[in-house]
Amino acid sequence: MNARRIPVGAAVGLLRTVLPVCRTWRFRHPDDPGRPYRPVLAHEIHACWHEHLLPLAWLFAGQNVATLASRDRDGEIISRLLRRMGYDVARGSSTRGGQTGFRQLARSLEGGLGVILTGDGPRGPRRSLKEGTARLADHGRSAASVVGVAASAGWRLSSWDRFLIPAPGATVFVSLASAGPVARVNRAQIEAALDREVARCEQAAREMRWARPPRIVRPGLVDGRTDPVRGARGSRRAGTAASALENRIRAAWRRARPNPALGAAARVFGFAHDARHRLYDLRLLAVRGAGIPVISVGGVTAGGSGKTPLSALIARTLGEAGHRPAILAGGYADELALLADETEGTSIWGHPDRVRTARRARAEGATVAILDDGFQHRRLRRDLDVLLLDRDALRRTNGARLPAGPFRERWEWAVSRADAIISTGREPWTADVARFDRDLRDRLDALAPGVPTASAAFGTGPPRPANESAHDWDGSPAPGLALTGIMKPNLFFARACARCPSVREKRALGDHGVPGPGERATLVRAAGPGGILTTRKDLHRLRPFLGAGPPIWVLPETIIWKAGWEEVRGVILQVASSRATLEPDNGAS
């Protein structure tokens, strides 16, 4: 039967019977796919593409929104359905009744309603914006926003707009963004902004189809074009008991004799860890190549050795030398955000399958891959293993393996797999530290002869404003609270108090942690009018939690080279210019 022969009333009834399928869709923002997203449309103009009409009509139902439907038969069906969903529908199009529809929408806008328009409707061309949206925004002196959409699964009709029907249970990514300043936005600006937001959503949908749901952090640049950061794990919202347990375990690492229960667990962990590495040594586990040189940056401790800032430094070094680096990180979203901040021109990939991400980065134009926290990740063949040894852990802890101590493996054995070794630390560079570092490098020369070594210390710069409240602060930074969720909070607190004597309260979260839902008021009171001092790594997690309230300051970290960097840098540049193979090195596939 020809669908055109179905009476309009029957067609509307038929569509209403299938609308409950829309309840199964999961609406998410591309920057935070782990949480439901239900944006509220403001009193302004909103532009979308005609192909995305179905999911947006469901998402924005009941929000006092006006829209436009054409005067043909299809427009009649759509207008009846939209009115039943709570929309104020004007009738008209660019070919029939356009002026009447324009005046109706203008009155709706003046009456306090938001307006959403399909910029390329009703007949296209597809994704080519017409003048109506910008003209209406200018007429009503209204701001203009755009709405991007993409679905993780669904169907496309063979219509002019390739109309999207998300599959039942699909994740629908929606991104709402401003197109420009009030009454100054033009057609080109709206179209460019709409294309940008649709691209963000489509990238999120591709990543979800490709693997598990990603956490997309923020845009980076690859060859001058926008390229979303591929995210990994989110933050930990640990309860009081969990945070207390983690802090107690960390405190136990500084005792000479490990806790017996933790020691037993450490023996089990050590046996499994060593057995796995032995299987790689015997070529019984497969090692895969990426097709481009791979430089691994990793350590032998659980955290705090500076892997992420060193990976960023290497990426900048390679970029300055003309390479197109990609950083492969399997860590948390805050680490990806920090990498994106510090490595303009580098694509950032956050996913546990480093082989797939390395090959995909190569396919998208990367010429060298940097494996962040990759020393134990032996499935991906690397051309250079840069091992970081944490002086703080070597000097201040019991040297035991996880969970009885901070070590993943014995560092004396690990150096045999390293191609370059860097000792790092966040303690002040005193005479004792310099002496320890010198003795450590002498021992490394004996354990790994011929392997280049370097020494680095991490310093801090003056506090920098990180939100609008801090930018508006009059005078020197005076935060009252130091707040962090990193592996070595004690060292951060010491630096924070040295830089800002105003700090009265100190709060340590779990590693990669955020405060609990009811803790915001307590933290704001502790911060006082001067606000909160934190690290750049914590900023990504804490800024959404704290909102626009107290001033937020970050304590920037700097790398100070004490010895050996030029030699290590030369090895890195040499390896980055080498050729690599895509085939597995050994073992079964």
Protein backbone atom coordinates (compact mmCIF):
# COMPACT_ATOMS: atom_id res chain seq x y z
CA MET A 1 0.00 0.00 0.00
CA ASN A 2 1.23 3.49 -0.89
CA ALA A 3 1.94 5.48 2.29
CA ARG A 4 0.53 8.57 0.58
CA ARG A 5 -2.91 6.96 0.58
CA ILE A 6 -3.03 6.64 4.36
CA PRO A 7 -5.29 9.36 5.80
CA VAL A 8 -3.45 12.02 7.77
CA GLY A 9 -5.24 11.18 11.00
CA ALA A 10 -4.41 7.48 10.66
CA ALA A 11 -0.77 8.30 9.89
CA VAL A 12 -0.53 10.40 13.05
CA GLY A 13 -2.08 7.59 15.09
CA LEU A 14 0.34 5.06 13.59
CA LEU A 15 3.35 7.23 14.48
CA ARG A 16 2.06 7.69 18.03
CA THR A 17 1.98 3.92 18.50
CA VAL A 18 5.72 3.65 17.74
CA LEU A 19 6.77 6.67 19.84
CA PRO A 20 7.23 4.54 23.01
CA VAL A 21 10.34 3.13 21.32
CA CYS A 22 11.87 6.58 21.91
CA ARG A 23 11.75 5.90 25.65
CA THR A 24 14.51 3.31 25.18
CA TRP A 25 17.00 5.85 23.79
CA ARG A 26 19.80 6.96 26.09
CA PHE A 27 20.60 10.64 25.54
CA ARG A 28 24.19 11.56 26.38
CA HIS A 29 26.56 14.50 25.92
CA PRO A 30 29.71 13.61 23.93
CA ASP A 31 31.89 14.98 26.75
CA ASP A 32 30.19 12.83 29.41
CA PRO A 33 28.62 9.65 27.96
CA GLY A 34 28.36 8.07 31.40
CA ARG A 35 25.48 10.27 32.57
CA PRO A 36 22.01 11.04 31.13
CA TYR A 37 21.77 14.37 29.32
CA ARG A 38 18.53 16.34 29.15
CA PRO A 39 19.34 19.93 28.15
CA VAL A 40 16.77 22.66 28.69
CA LEU A 41 16.36 24.98 25.73
CA ALA A 42 16.78 28.67 26.53
CA HIS A 43 14.67 31.54 25.22
CA GLU A 44 16.61 31.85 21.96
CA ILE A 45 16.95 30.43 18.45
CA HIS A 46 18.19 26.83 18.10
CA ALA A 47 19.26 25.34 14.77
CA CYS A 48 19.51 21.65 13.85
CA TRP A 49 19.55 19.58 10.69
CA HIS A 50 16.30 18.11 9.34
CA GLU A 51 17.65 14.55 9.55
CA HIS A 52 17.81 14.79 13.36
CA LEU A 53 14.19 15.85 13.81
CA LEU A 54 12.95 12.59 15.39
CA PRO A 55 15.31 12.24 18.39
CA LEU A 56 15.25 16.00 19.08
CA ALA A 57 11.45 16.16 18.93
CA TRP A 58 11.34 13.51 21.65
CA LEU A 59 14.13 15.02 23.72
CA PHE A 60 12.70 18.56 23.84
CA ALA A 61 9.01 17.64 24.18
CA GLY A 62 7.15 19.66 26.79
CA GLN A 63 9.71 22.50 27.03
CA ASN A 64 7.55 25.39 25.69
CA VAL A 65 9.32 25.39 22.36
CA ALA A 66 8.04 26.69 19.03
CA THR A 67 8.99 25.22 15.67
CA LEU A 68 8.08 25.35 12.00
CA ALA A 69 6.42 22.72 9.80
CA SER A 70 5.79 22.95 6.08
CA ARG A 71 2.29 23.33 4.60
CA ASP A 72 2.33 20.10 2.61
CA ARG A 73 0.89 16.73 3.67
CA ASP A 74 4.06 15.63 5.48
CA GLY A 75 4.11 18.95 7.35
CA GLU A 76 0.50 18.41 8.43
CA ILE A 77 1.35 15.00 9.90
CA ILE A 78 4.43 16.39 11.65
CA SER A 79 2.61 19.44 13.02
CA ARG A 80 -0.23 17.34 14.50
CA LEU A 81 2.24 15.00 16.15
CA LEU A 82 4.38 17.82 17.51
CA ARG A 83 1.38 19.64 18.96
CA ARG A 84 0.41 16.49 20.83
CA MET A 85 3.96 16.48 22.25
CA GLY A 86 3.59 20.04 23.54
CA TYR A 87 5.18 22.08 20.74
CA ASP A 88 3.85 25.39 19.42
CA VAL A 89 3.92 24.79 15.66
CA ALA A 90 3.94 27.52 13.02
CA ARG A 91 3.18 26.54 9.41
CA GLY A 92 5.24 27.61 6.45
CA SER A 93 8.46 26.97 4.55
CA SER A 94 10.87 28.62 2.17
CA THR A 95 8.57 27.74 -0.74
CA ARG A 96 5.05 28.07 0.76
CA GLY A 97 3.86 30.47 3.44
CA GLY A 98 7.34 31.41 4.59
CA GLN A 99 6.46 34.97 5.66
CA THR A 100 3.46 33.81 7.65
CA GLY A 101 5.47 31.15 9.42
CA PHE A 102 8.26 33.66 10.10
CA ARG A 103 5.84 36.09 11.74
CA GLN A 104 4.33 33.31 13.87
CA LEU A 105 7.78 32.27 15.12
CA ALA A 106 8.72 35.89 15.81
CA ARG A 107 5.60 36.28 17.96
CA SER A 108 6.43 33.03 19.80
CA LEU A 109 9.92 34.31 20.47
CA GLU A 110 8.58 37.63 21.75
CA GLY A 111 6.17 35.67 23.97
CA GLY A 112 9.02 33.95 25.80
CA LEU A 113 9.25 30.66 23.92
CA GLY A 114 12.42 29.11 22.58
CA VAL A 115 12.47 28.35 18.87
CA ILE A 116 14.05 25.35 17.18
CA LEU A 117 14.40 25.25 13.40
CA THR A 118 15.65 22.66 10.94
CA GLY A 119 18.14 24.77 9.03
CA ASP A 120 18.00 22.76 5.80
CA GLY A 121 14.29 21.84 5.78
CA PRO A 122 11.93 21.01 4.30
CA ARG A 123 13.56 20.01 1.01
CA GLY A 124 17.30 20.63 1.37
CA PRO A 125 19.95 20.59 0.06
CA ARG A 126 21.11 18.41 2.94
CA ARG A 127 23.15 20.23 5.62
CA SER A 128 23.01 23.52 3.74
CA LEU A 129 21.69 26.24 6.04
CA LYS A 130 19.05 28.62 4.76
CA GLU A 131 18.75 32.26 5.76
CA GLY A 132 15.71 31.87 8.01
CA THR A 133 17.55 31.00 11.22
CA ALA A 134 19.99 33.93 11.12
CA ARG A 135 17.25 36.27 9.92
CA LEU A 136 14.95 35.33 12.80
CA ALA A 137 17.77 35.72 15.33
CA ASP A 138 18.54 39.17 13.95
CA HIS A 139 14.86 40.17 13.88
CA GLY A 140 14.28 39.12 17.50
CA ARG A 141 17.65 40.34 18.78
CA SER A 142 18.09 36.77 20.05
CA ALA A 143 21.11 34.57 20.62
CA ALA A 144 21.51 31.59 18.32
CA SER A 145 22.53 28.08 19.38
CA VAL A 146 23.07 24.87 17.45
CA VAL A 147 22.19 21.27 18.33
CA GLY A 148 24.35 18.41 17.08
CA VAL A 149 23.06 14.82 17.07
CA ALA A 150 24.38 11.33 16.30
CA ALA A 151 23.28 7.82 17.29
CA SER A 152 25.38 4.80 18.19
CA ALA A 153 23.03 2.56 16.18
CA GLY A 154 20.09 3.11 13.88
CA TRP A 155 18.90 3.44 10.31
CA ARG A 156 19.03 6.08 7.58
CA LEU A 157 16.11 6.54 5.19
CA SER A 158 16.78 7.02 1.50
CA SER A 159 15.29 10.54 1.66
CA TRP A 160 17.02 13.75 0.60
CA ASP A 161 18.21 14.33 4.19
CA ARG A 162 19.05 10.67 5.02
CA PHE A 163 16.62 10.90 7.92
CA LEU A 164 17.96 9.31 11.12
CA ILE A 165 15.97 6.73 13.09
CA PRO A 166 17.93 5.61 16.15
CA ALA A 167 17.63 1.92 16.99
CA PRO A 168 15.79 0.83 20.16
CA GLY A 169 18.17 1.12 23.10
CA ALA A 170 20.64 3.25 21.12
CA THR A 171 22.76 5.95 22.71
CA VAL A 172 21.93 9.31 21.14
CA PHE A 173 24.65 11.92 21.54
CA VAL A 174 23.40 15.52 21.73
CA SER A 175 25.56 18.64 21.91
CA LEU A 176 24.12 22.11 22.48
CA ALA A 177 26.43 25.08 21.84
CA SER A 178 26.33 28.78 21.06
CA ALA A 179 26.69 29.88 17.46
CA GLY A 180 27.81 33.42 18.22
CA PRO A 181 26.99 36.68 20.01
CA VAL A 182 23.49 38.06 20.23
CA ALA A 183 22.15 39.59 16.99
CA ARG A 184 25.54 39.39 15.32
CA VAL A 185 25.50 35.82 14.09
CA ASN A 186 25.28 35.14 10.37
CA ARG A 187 24.41 32.14 8.25
CA ALA A 188 28.02 31.00 7.80
CA GLN A 189 28.70 31.11 11.55
CA ILE A 190 25.59 29.05 12.36
CA GLU A 191 26.37 26.46 9.69
CA ALA A 192 29.99 26.12 10.82
CA ALA A 193 28.96 25.77 14.47
CA LEU A 194 26.31 23.20 13.57
CA ASP A 195 28.77 21.15 11.53
CA ARG A 196 31.24 21.28 14.43
CA GLU A 197 28.76 20.00 17.02
CA VAL A 198 27.45 17.28 14.71
CA ALA A 199 31.04 16.16 14.11
CA ARG A 200 31.63 15.94 17.88
CA CYS A 201 28.56 13.76 18.31
CA GLU A 202 29.40 11.58 15.32
CA GLN A 203 32.90 11.02 16.67
CA ALA A 204 31.45 9.94 20.03
CA ALA A 205 29.06 7.57 18.26
CA ARG A 206 31.88 6.08 16.19
CA GLU A 207 33.96 5.50 19.30
CA MET A 208 31.02 3.79 21.00
CA ARG A 209 30.47 1.52 18.01
CA TRP A 210 34.17 0.77 17.87
CA ALA A 211 34.62 -0.17 21.51
CA ARG A 212 33.18 0.45 24.92
CA PRO A 213 31.65 3.87 25.62
CA PRO A 214 34.43 6.44 25.62
CA ARG A 215 34.88 9.45 27.78
CA ILE A 216 35.60 12.29 25.44
CA VAL A 217 37.49 14.98 27.19
CA ARG A 218 38.13 17.95 24.95
CA PRO A 219 39.30 18.74 21.40
CA GLY A 220 42.89 18.51 20.23
CA LEU A 221 44.34 19.24 16.80
CA VAL A 222 45.73 16.88 14.20
CA ASP A 223 47.14 18.47 11.08
CA GLY A 224 45.22 21.65 11.86
CA ARG A 225 41.78 20.05 12.03
CA THR A 226 39.57 19.46 15.02
CA ASP A 227 39.89 15.95 16.39
CA PRO A 228 38.20 14.84 19.60
CA VAL A 229 40.19 13.36 22.39
CA ARG A 230 39.27 9.74 22.84
CA GLY A 231 38.52 9.24 26.52
CA ALA A 232 38.96 6.49 29.00
CA ARG A 233 37.93 5.98 32.58
CA GLY A 234 36.11 8.64 34.55
CA SER A 235 36.76 9.91 38.04
CA ARG A 236 36.31 7.95 41.24
CA ARG A 237 33.58 9.19 43.50
CA ALA A 238 34.74 7.26 46.51
CA GLY A 239 32.94 7.13 49.82
CA THR A 240 34.53 8.07 53.10
CA ALA A 241 35.33 4.43 53.96
CA ALA A 242 36.96 3.76 50.59
CA SER A 243 39.06 6.92 50.76
CA ALA A 244 40.11 6.15 54.32
CA LEU A 245 41.15 2.62 53.33
CA GLU A 246 43.19 3.90 50.39
CA ASN A 247 44.93 6.46 52.59
CA ARG A 248 45.71 3.80 55.22
CA ILE A 249 47.25 1.54 52.59
CA ARG A 250 49.39 4.40 51.28
CA ALA A 251 50.51 5.24 54.80
CA ALA A 252 51.55 1.61 55.29
CA TRP A 253 53.96 1.92 52.37
CA ARG A 254 56.19 4.16 54.48
CA ARG A 255 56.60 1.60 57.23
CA ALA A 256 59.73 -0.51 57.20
CA ARG A 257 57.83 -3.78 57.58
CA PRO A 258 54.75 -4.31 55.38
CA ASN A 259 51.41 -5.29 56.89
CA PRO A 260 51.21 -9.15 56.92
CA ALA A 261 47.87 -9.26 55.06
CA LEU A 262 49.11 -6.80 52.44
CA GLY A 263 52.36 -8.74 52.21
CA ALA A 264 50.48 -11.95 51.39
CA ALA A 265 48.48 -10.16 48.71
CA ALA A 266 51.71 -8.68 47.35
CA ARG A 267 53.20 -12.15 46.92
CA VAL A 268 50.20 -13.28 44.89
CA PHE A 269 50.35 -10.12 42.77
CA GLY A 270 54.09 -10.50 42.26
CA PHE A 271 53.80 -14.12 41.19
CA ALA A 272 51.10 -13.34 38.60
CA HIS A 273 52.98 -10.27 37.34
CA ASP A 274 56.31 -12.09 36.97
CA ALA A 275 54.66 -15.09 35.31
CA ARG A 276 53.06 -12.86 32.69
CA HIS A 277 56.36 -11.16 31.89
CA ARG A 278 58.05 -14.54 31.69
CA LEU A 279 55.53 -15.65 29.06
CA TYR A 280 56.44 -12.59 26.99
CA ASP A 281 60.15 -13.32 27.45
CA LEU A 282 59.58 -16.90 26.21
CA ARG A 283 57.62 -15.55 23.22
CA LEU A 284 54.50 -17.45 24.29
CA LEU A 285 52.39 -14.28 24.37
CA ALA A 286 52.02 -12.29 21.17
CA VAL A 287 53.55 -8.86 20.68
CA ARG A 288 51.98 -6.67 17.98
CA GLY A 289 53.44 -3.80 16.02
CA ALA A 290 51.73 -0.54 15.19
CA GLY A 291 53.31 0.28 11.84
CA ILE A 292 54.90 3.42 13.28
CA PRO A 293 57.63 3.85 15.91
CA VAL A 294 56.32 3.42 19.45
CA ILE A 295 57.98 5.13 22.43
CA SER A 296 56.86 3.83 25.81
CA VAL A 297 57.01 6.03 28.91
CA GLY A 298 56.39 4.11 32.11
CA GLY A 299 57.47 3.36 35.62
CA VAL A 300 57.61 0.64 38.22
CA THR A 301 55.49 2.39 40.87
CA ALA A 302 51.74 2.82 41.12
CA GLY A 303 51.76 6.56 40.46
CA GLY A 304 53.37 9.90 41.03
CA SER A 305 56.55 9.38 39.00
CA GLY A 306 55.62 11.95 36.36
CA LYS A 307 54.67 9.69 33.45
CA THR A 308 51.96 11.99 32.10
CA PRO A 309 53.99 15.26 32.08
CA LEU A 310 57.00 13.39 30.61
CA SER A 311 54.78 11.93 27.87
CA ALA A 312 53.55 15.44 27.11
CA LEU A 313 57.13 16.76 26.99
CA ILE A 314 58.19 14.03 24.57
CA ALA A 315 55.16 14.77 22.38
CA ARG A 316 56.09 18.46 22.24
CA THR A 317 59.72 17.56 21.49
CA LEU A 318 58.66 15.34 18.60
CA GLY A 319 56.20 17.90 17.29
CA GLU A 320 58.89 20.58 17.23
CA ALA A 321 61.07 18.19 15.24
CA GLY A 322 58.39 17.83 12.54
CA HIS A 323 56.78 14.55 13.64
CA ARG A 324 53.04 14.00 14.13
CA PRO A 325 52.83 12.28 17.52
CA ALA A 326 49.88 10.47 19.06
CA ILE A 327 49.66 9.69 22.77
CA LEU A 328 48.09 6.37 23.72
CA ALA A 329 46.79 6.51 27.28
CA GLY A 330 44.79 3.91 29.11
CA GLY A 331 44.28 6.10 32.15
CA TYR A 332 41.68 8.43 33.54
CA ALA A 333 39.93 11.37 31.95
CA ASP A 334 41.87 13.87 34.06
CA GLU A 335 45.12 12.55 32.59
CA LEU A 336 43.71 12.87 29.08
CA ALA A 337 42.62 16.44 29.80
CA LEU A 338 46.09 17.30 31.08
CA LEU A 339 47.69 15.80 27.98
CA ALA A 340 45.30 17.70 25.72
CA ASP A 341 46.13 20.96 27.54
CA GLU A 342 49.88 20.51 27.21
CA THR A 343 50.25 18.97 23.74
CA GLU A 344 48.68 21.13 21.06
CA GLY A 345 49.02 19.35 17.74
CA THR A 346 48.98 15.86 19.28
CA SER A 347 46.09 13.41 19.07
CA ILE A 348 45.20 11.86 22.43
CA TRP A 349 43.75 8.34 22.56
CA GLY A 350 42.41 6.87 25.80
CA HIS A 351 41.55 3.19 25.55
CA PRO A 352 42.79 -0.05 27.16
CA ASP A 353 43.50 -1.72 23.80
CA ARG A 354 46.73 0.05 22.91
CA VAL A 355 47.35 -2.03 19.76
CA ARG A 356 44.08 -0.97 18.16
CA THR A 357 44.48 2.66 19.16
CA ALA A 358 48.06 2.74 17.87
CA ARG A 359 47.02 1.39 14.49
CA ARG A 360 44.06 3.69 14.33
CA ALA A 361 46.25 6.67 15.19
CA ARG A 362 48.57 5.63 12.37
CA ALA A 363 45.61 5.44 9.98
CA GLU A 364 44.67 9.01 10.95
CA GLY A 365 48.11 10.37 10.15
CA ALA A 366 50.27 9.90 13.24
CA THR A 367 53.93 9.17 12.49
CA VAL A 368 54.99 8.15 16.00
CA ALA A 369 53.08 6.84 19.03
CA ILE A 370 53.85 7.60 22.68
CA LEU A 371 52.65 4.92 25.06
CA ASP A 372 51.80 6.67 28.34
CA ASP A 373 52.24 4.41 31.38
CA GLY A 374 53.27 1.58 29.08
CA PHE A 375 56.26 -0.12 30.68
CA GLN A 376 54.21 -3.15 31.76
CA HIS A 377 52.04 -3.11 28.63
CA ARG A 378 54.09 -5.49 26.54
CA ARG A 379 51.44 -6.57 24.04
CA LEU A 380 52.29 -3.53 21.88
CA ARG A 381 55.79 -3.69 20.47
CA ARG A 382 57.79 -0.61 21.31
CA ASP A 383 60.92 0.75 19.70
CA LEU A 384 62.05 2.60 22.82
CA ASP A 385 61.28 1.92 26.49
CA VAL A 386 61.78 5.00 28.67
CA LEU A 387 61.72 3.90 32.31
CA LEU A 388 60.99 6.44 35.07
CA LEU A 389 62.35 5.70 38.53
CA ASP A 390 60.65 7.59 41.33
CA ARG A 391 63.27 8.85 43.80
CA ASP A 392 60.57 9.64 46.35
CA ALA A 393 59.40 6.01 46.36
CA LEU A 394 62.95 4.68 46.44
CA ARG A 395 63.89 6.90 49.40
CA ARG A 396 60.70 7.04 51.43
CA THR A 397 58.86 3.71 51.09
CA ASN A 398 59.43 0.10 52.09
CA GLY A 399 60.22 -1.02 48.53
CA ALA A 400 57.51 -3.71 48.62
CA ARG A 401 55.23 -4.62 45.75
CA LEU A 402 51.57 -3.78 45.47
CA PRO A 403 49.53 -3.61 47.62
CA ALA A 404 52.08 -3.83 50.46
CA GLY A 405 54.15 -1.10 48.78
CA PRO A 406 54.00 1.14 45.71
CA PHE A 407 56.10 -1.05 43.37
CA ARG A 408 54.61 -3.01 40.50
CA GLU A 409 57.85 -4.94 40.00
CA ARG A 410 61.40 -4.93 41.32
CA TRP A 411 63.14 -1.96 39.77
CA GLU A 412 66.54 -3.71 39.75
CA TRP A 413 65.09 -6.30 37.36
CA ALA A 414 63.03 -3.81 35.36
CA VAL A 415 66.06 -1.78 34.21
CA SER A 416 67.13 -4.71 32.03
CA ARG A 417 64.16 -3.97 29.71
CA ALA A 418 64.78 -0.21 29.55
CA ASP A 419 66.37 1.66 26.64
CA ALA A 420 66.59 4.95 28.57
CA ILE A 421 66.13 5.66 32.28
CA ILE A 422 65.06 8.91 33.95
CA SER A 423 65.05 9.40 37.72
CA THR A 424 62.28 11.76 38.78
CA GLY A 425 61.03 13.28 42.02
CA ARG A 426 58.80 15.96 43.48
CA GLU A 427 60.75 16.53 46.68
CA PRO A 428 62.86 19.73 46.89
CA TRP A 429 66.27 19.31 45.26
CA THR A 430 68.40 19.36 48.38
CA ALA A 431 72.00 18.23 48.83
CA ASP A 432 70.75 14.88 50.18
CA VAL A 433 68.50 14.35 47.17
CA ALA A 434 71.32 15.29 44.77
CA ARG A 435 73.63 12.82 46.50
CA PHE A 436 71.00 10.04 46.34
CA ASP A 437 70.39 10.75 42.67
CA ARG A 438 74.09 10.59 41.89
CA ASP A 439 74.43 7.24 43.70
CA LEU A 440 71.34 5.94 41.89
CA ARG A 441 72.77 6.81 38.48
CA ASP A 442 76.05 5.10 39.39
CA ARG A 443 74.11 1.97 40.28
CA LEU A 444 72.16 2.16 37.04
CA ASP A 445 75.42 2.30 35.09
CA ALA A 446 76.34 -1.00 36.71
CA LEU A 447 72.92 -2.66 36.27
CA ALA A 448 72.29 -1.42 32.72
CA PRO A 449 75.62 -0.49 31.12
CA GLY A 450 75.34 1.63 28.00
CA VAL A 451 71.75 2.72 28.69
CA PRO A 452 71.45 6.55 28.74
CA THR A 453 70.22 8.01 32.03
CA ALA A 454 68.89 11.41 33.04
CA SER A 455 67.69 13.15 36.19
CA ALA A 456 64.69 15.46 36.51
CA ALA A 457 63.00 17.33 39.34
CA PHE A 458 59.51 18.77 39.35
CA GLY A 459 59.11 22.35 40.46
CA THR A 460 56.14 24.69 40.68
CA GLY A 461 55.26 28.08 39.32
CA PRO A 462 53.06 30.76 40.87
CA PRO A 463 49.33 29.94 41.25
CA ARG A 464 47.22 30.65 38.18
CA PRO A 465 43.48 31.44 38.04
CA ALA A 466 41.37 28.59 36.69
CA ASN A 467 37.82 29.97 36.75
CA GLU A 468 36.01 33.27 36.40
CA SER A 469 35.94 33.90 40.15
CA ALA A 470 39.72 33.57 40.32
CA HIS A 471 40.21 35.85 37.31
CA ASP A 472 38.08 38.48 39.04
CA TRP A 473 40.09 38.19 42.26
CA ASP A 474 41.67 41.45 43.32
CA GLY A 475 45.20 41.03 44.65
CA SER A 476 47.54 38.10 45.13
CA PRO A 477 46.06 34.57 45.24
CA ALA A 478 44.97 33.68 48.78
CA PRO A 479 43.35 30.22 48.69
CA GLY A 480 42.26 28.83 52.03
CA LEU A 481 42.00 25.17 50.99
CA ALA A 482 44.46 22.87 49.21
CA LEU A 483 42.51 20.07 47.54
CA THR A 484 43.91 17.20 45.46
CA GLY A 485 43.28 13.64 44.34
CA ILE A 486 46.77 12.54 43.28
CA MET A 487 49.08 9.78 44.44
CA LYS A 488 51.34 11.99 46.59
CA PRO A 489 49.11 14.58 48.27
CA ASN A 490 51.64 15.28 51.02
CA LEU A 491 54.17 16.66 48.55
CA PHE A 492 51.52 18.82 46.90
CA PHE A 493 50.42 20.19 50.27
CA ALA A 494 54.01 21.10 51.16
CA ARG A 495 54.42 23.00 47.90
CA ALA A 496 50.99 24.59 48.24
CA CYS A 497 51.77 25.95 51.71
CA ALA A 498 55.17 27.19 50.54
CA ARG A 499 53.60 29.08 47.62
CA CYS A 500 50.47 30.25 49.45
CA PRO A 501 50.78 30.85 53.22
CA SER A 502 47.03 31.55 53.20
CA VAL A 503 46.28 27.79 52.97
CA ARG A 504 44.72 26.73 56.28
CA GLU A 505 42.96 23.49 55.33
CA LYS A 506 44.26 20.49 53.36
CA ARG A 507 42.06 17.78 51.88
CA ALA A 508 43.35 14.62 50.16
CA LEU A 509 40.94 12.68 47.95
CA GLY A 510 41.54 9.21 46.61
CA ASP A 511 43.71 8.93 43.52
CA HIS A 512 41.67 10.35 40.59
CA GLY A 513 38.92 11.03 43.14
CA VAL A 514 36.21 13.66 43.43
CA PRO A 515 34.38 14.72 46.60
CA GLY A 516 31.12 13.07 47.56
CA PRO A 517 27.74 14.60 46.59
CA GLY A 518 27.20 16.27 49.97
CA GLU A 519 30.70 17.67 50.44
CA ARG A 520 30.57 20.77 48.28
CA ALA A 521 29.26 23.09 51.01
CA THR A 522 31.89 21.86 53.47
CA LEU A 523 34.71 22.44 50.99
CA VAL A 524 33.44 25.89 50.04
CA ARG A 525 33.35 26.91 53.72
CA ALA A 526 36.88 25.58 54.25
CA ALA A 527 38.10 27.45 51.16
CA GLY A 528 36.82 30.80 52.38
CA PRO A 529 36.70 33.81 50.06
CA GLY A 530 40.20 33.06 48.69
CA GLY A 531 39.09 29.79 47.16
CA ILE A 532 40.76 26.46 46.42
CA LEU A 533 44.27 25.58 45.28
CA THR A 534 44.66 22.37 43.27
CA THR A 535 46.73 20.79 40.49
CA ARG A 536 46.16 20.99 36.75
CA LYS A 537 45.45 17.26 36.76
CA ASP A 538 42.72 17.69 39.40
CA LEU A 539 41.17 20.66 37.66
CA HIS A 540 39.23 18.64 35.07
CA ARG A 541 37.52 16.64 37.82
CA LEU A 542 36.91 19.41 40.33
CA ARG A 543 35.73 22.27 38.13
CA PRO A 544 32.34 20.67 37.24
CA PHE A 545 31.84 19.69 40.88
CA LEU A 546 32.58 23.16 42.28
CA GLY A 547 30.86 25.11 39.52
CA ALA A 548 31.15 28.90 39.40
CA GLY A 549 31.40 29.30 43.17
CA PRO A 550 34.74 29.83 44.91
CA PRO A 551 37.90 30.96 43.10
CA ILE A 552 39.91 27.98 41.82
CA TRP A 553 43.68 28.27 41.48
CA VAL A 554 46.09 25.76 39.98
CA LEU A 555 49.70 25.24 40.95
CA PRO A 556 51.50 24.65 37.63
CA GLU A 557 54.26 22.08 37.52
CA THR A 558 57.57 22.51 35.71
CA ILE A 559 60.25 19.97 34.77
CA ILE A 560 63.79 20.93 35.77
CA TRP A 561 66.52 18.83 34.17
CA LYS A 562 69.53 18.13 36.34
CA ALA A 563 71.50 15.84 34.04
CA GLY A 564 71.37 13.70 30.92
CA TRP A 565 68.30 15.05 29.08
CA GLU A 566 70.07 15.94 25.85
CA GLU A 567 71.36 12.37 25.46
CA VAL A 568 67.93 10.87 26.13
CA ARG A 569 66.32 13.44 23.81
CA GLY A 570 68.71 12.44 21.03
CA VAL A 571 67.77 8.78 21.40
CA ILE A 572 64.05 9.67 21.28
CA LEU A 573 64.43 11.69 18.08
CA GLN A 574 66.52 8.96 16.48
CA VAL A 575 63.94 6.27 17.25
CA ALA A 576 61.05 8.45 16.07
CA SER A 577 62.72 8.71 12.66
CA SER A 578 63.15 4.94 12.35
CA ARG A 579 60.86 2.56 10.53
CA ALA A 580 58.52 0.13 12.27
CA THR A 581 56.61 -2.95 11.18
CA LEU A 582 52.92 -3.72 11.50
CA GLU A 583 53.34 -7.46 11.89
CA PRO A 584 53.49 -9.25 15.25
CA ASP A 585 56.96 -9.83 16.64
CA ASN A 586 56.22 -13.22 18.10
CA GLY A 587 53.67 -15.58 19.51
CA ALA A 588 50.21 -16.57 18.41
CA SER A 589 47.68 -14.08 17.10
